[in-house]
Amino acid sequence: MKLAVLLMALLVGTASAQPYGGPPPGAQVGVGVEAVPPRAAFRQMLLERFDRNHDGVLEPRERRHAAKALRKMAKRLARGERREGRQGRQPRG
């Protein structure tokens, strides 16, 4: 459930996010490696997957499809976490 809330917050946050201004002053950036913030990468992934008309903006219908897919993914991840927790338990008896 926490993951679903986090994913939805990222989805909503990317719609109104400020553009990435680069690393903080004085930060070391690898030579030849462009730093991409996680939010920008997530937004790009959402656009690539759900922007059907390729206008760079998620329309309400596209946004609903993205939210539904993110909820489904969060449920799968939660089930996987529960399964991992069960594997560590000792059998009763």
C-alpha atoms as a PDB file:
ATOM      1  CA  MET A   1       0.000   0.000   0.000  1.00  0.00           C
ATOM      2  CA  LYS A   2       2.848   2.360   0.816  1.00  0.00           C
ATOM      3  CA  LEU A   3       4.375   1.634  -2.565  1.00  0.00           C
ATOM      4  CA  ALA A   4       1.113   2.446  -4.322  1.00  0.00           C
ATOM      5  CA  VAL A   5       0.934   5.793  -2.534  1.00  0.00           C
ATOM      6  CA  LEU A   6       4.559   6.518  -3.429  1.00  0.00           C
ATOM      7  CA  LEU A   7       4.019   5.668  -7.088  1.00  0.00           C
ATOM      8  CA  MET A   8       0.889   7.802  -7.273  1.00  0.00           C
ATOM      9  CA  ALA A   9       2.726  10.701  -5.611  1.00  0.00           C
ATOM     10  CA  LEU A  10       5.477  10.414  -8.208  1.00  0.00           C
ATOM     11  CA  LEU A  11       2.927  10.290 -11.002  1.00  0.00           C
ATOM     12  CA  VAL A  12       1.131  13.397  -9.771  1.00  0.00           C
ATOM     13  CA  GLY A  13       4.380  15.140  -8.839  1.00  0.00           C
ATOM     14  CA  THR A  14       5.861  14.728 -12.295  1.00  0.00           C
ATOM     15  CA  ALA A  15       2.993  16.654 -13.843  1.00  0.00           C
ATOM     16  CA  SER A  16       3.832  19.781 -11.851  1.00  0.00           C
ATOM     17  CA  ALA A  17       7.552  19.249 -11.263  1.00  0.00           C
ATOM     18  CA  GLN A  18      10.119  21.938 -11.887  1.00  0.00           C
ATOM     19  CA  PRO A  19      12.703  21.136 -14.563  1.00  0.00           C
ATOM     20  CA  TYR A  20      15.893  19.522 -13.301  1.00  0.00           C
ATOM     21  CA  GLY A  21      18.547  22.173 -12.759  1.00  0.00           C
ATOM     22  CA  GLY A  22      21.507  19.810 -12.589  1.00  0.00           C
ATOM     23  CA  PRO A  23      23.597  18.704  -9.637  1.00  0.00           C
ATOM     24  CA  PRO A  24      24.172  21.016  -6.679  1.00  0.00           C
ATOM     25  CA  PRO A  25      27.106  23.410  -6.935  1.00  0.00           C
ATOM     26  CA  GLY A  26      30.398  21.674  -6.197  1.00  0.00           C
ATOM     27  CA  ALA A  27      29.050  18.164  -6.808  1.00  0.00           C
ATOM     28  CA  GLN A  28      31.271  15.808  -8.777  1.00  0.00           C
ATOM     29  CA  VAL A  29      29.711  14.389 -11.924  1.00  0.00           C
ATOM     30  CA  GLY A  30      31.297  11.435 -13.693  1.00  0.00           C
ATOM     31  CA  VAL A  31      33.180  12.146 -16.909  1.00  0.00           C
ATOM     32  CA  GLY A  32      30.989  11.415 -19.921  1.00  0.00           C
ATOM     33  CA  VAL A  33      28.044  10.381 -17.737  1.00  0.00           C
ATOM     34  CA  GLU A  34      24.940  12.512 -17.737  1.00  0.00           C
ATOM     35  CA  ALA A  35      23.156  12.463 -14.390  1.00  0.00           C
ATOM     36  CA  VAL A  36      19.415  11.873 -14.771  1.00  0.00           C
ATOM     37  CA  PRO A  37      17.330  12.368 -11.637  1.00  0.00           C
ATOM     38  CA  PRO A  38      15.028   9.471 -10.725  1.00  0.00           C
ATOM     39  CA  ARG A  39      11.909  11.625 -11.116  1.00  0.00           C
ATOM     40  CA  ALA A  40      12.863  12.636 -14.663  1.00  0.00           C
ATOM     41  CA  ALA A  41      13.615   9.030 -15.598  1.00  0.00           C
ATOM     42  CA  PHE A  42      10.278   7.926 -14.119  1.00  0.00           C
ATOM     43  CA  ARG A  43       8.411  10.675 -15.986  1.00  0.00           C
ATOM     44  CA  GLN A  44      10.106   9.712 -19.244  1.00  0.00           C
ATOM     45  CA  MET A  45       9.188   6.049 -18.718  1.00  0.00           C
ATOM     46  CA  LEU A  46       5.555   7.027 -18.100  1.00  0.00           C
ATOM     47  CA  LEU A  47       5.444   9.130 -21.251  1.00  0.00           C
ATOM     48  CA  GLU A  48       7.042   6.418 -23.376  1.00  0.00           C
ATOM     49  CA  ARG A  49       4.620   3.797 -22.159  1.00  0.00           C
ATOM     50  CA  PHE A  50       1.316   5.651 -21.749  1.00  0.00           C
ATOM     51  CA  ASP A  51       1.409   8.737 -24.019  1.00  0.00           C
ATOM     52  CA  ARG A  52      -0.595   7.254 -26.904  1.00  0.00           C
ATOM     53  CA  ASN A  53      -0.804  10.434 -28.990  1.00  0.00           C
ATOM     54  CA  HIS A  54       2.909  11.273 -28.428  1.00  0.00           C
ATOM     55  CA  ASP A  55       2.303  14.905 -27.513  1.00  0.00           C
ATOM     56  CA  GLY A  56       4.511  14.780 -24.400  1.00  0.00           C
ATOM     57  CA  VAL A  57       1.563  15.213 -22.021  1.00  0.00           C
ATOM     58  CA  LEU A  58      -0.572  12.552 -20.347  1.00  0.00           C
ATOM     59  CA  GLU A  59      -4.205  13.267 -21.104  1.00  0.00           C
ATOM     60  CA  PRO A  60      -6.818  12.280 -18.468  1.00  0.00           C
ATOM     61  CA  ARG A  61      -7.501   8.920 -20.124  1.00  0.00           C
ATOM     62  CA  GLU A  62      -3.770   8.167 -20.473  1.00  0.00           C
ATOM     63  CA  ARG A  63      -3.270   9.170 -16.844  1.00  0.00           C
ATOM     64  CA  ARG A  64      -6.024   6.788 -15.715  1.00  0.00           C
ATOM     65  CA  HIS A  65      -4.363   3.938 -17.622  1.00  0.00           C
ATOM     66  CA  ALA A  66      -0.999   4.780 -16.046  1.00  0.00           C
ATOM     67  CA  ALA A  67      -2.495   4.919 -12.545  1.00  0.00           C
ATOM     68  CA  LYS A  68      -4.234   1.573 -13.068  1.00  0.00           C
ATOM     69  CA  ALA A  69      -0.995  -0.037 -14.267  1.00  0.00           C
ATOM     70  CA  LEU A  70       0.947   1.425 -11.317  1.00  0.00           C
ATOM     71  CA  ARG A  71      -1.626   0.112  -8.843  1.00  0.00           C
ATOM     72  CA  LYS A  72      -1.402  -3.325 -10.445  1.00  0.00           C
ATOM     73  CA  MET A  73       2.398  -3.229 -10.239  1.00  0.00           C
ATOM     74  CA  ALA A  74       2.259  -2.139  -6.583  1.00  0.00           C
ATOM     75  CA  LYS A  75      -0.027  -5.083  -5.777  1.00  0.00           C
ATOM     76  CA  ARG A  76       2.376  -7.486  -7.453  1.00  0.00           C
ATOM     77  CA  LEU A  77       5.309  -6.031  -5.525  1.00  0.00           C
ATOM     78  CA  ALA A  78       3.384  -6.234  -2.244  1.00  0.00           C
ATOM     79  CA  ARG A  79       2.545  -9.882  -2.917  1.00  0.00           C
ATOM     80  CA  GLY A  80       6.207 -10.556  -3.615  1.00  0.00           C
ATOM     81  CA  GLU A  81       7.232  -8.911  -0.331  1.00  0.00           C
ATOM     82  CA  ARG A  82       4.710 -11.032   1.568  1.00  0.00           C
ATOM     83  CA  ARG A  83       6.025 -14.171  -0.108  1.00  0.00           C
ATOM     84  CA  GLU A  84       9.595 -13.283   0.843  1.00  0.00           C
ATOM     85  CA  GLY A  85       8.480 -12.799   4.449  1.00  0.00           C
ATOM     86  CA  ARG A  86       6.855 -16.237   4.489  1.00  0.00           C
ATOM     87  CA  GLN A  87       9.990 -17.952   3.266  1.00  0.00           C
ATOM     88  CA  GLY A  88      11.863 -16.872   6.386  1.00  0.00           C
ATOM     89  CA  ARG A  89       9.329 -18.399   8.777  1.00  0.00           C
ATOM     90  CA  GLN A  90       9.693 -21.780  10.403  1.00  0.00           C
ATOM     91  CA  PRO A  91       6.896 -24.305   9.740  1.00  0.00           C
ATOM     92  CA  ARG A  92       4.515 -24.828  12.640  1.00  0.00           C
ATOM     93  CA  GLY A  93       4.213 -28.157  14.316  1.00  0.00           C
END
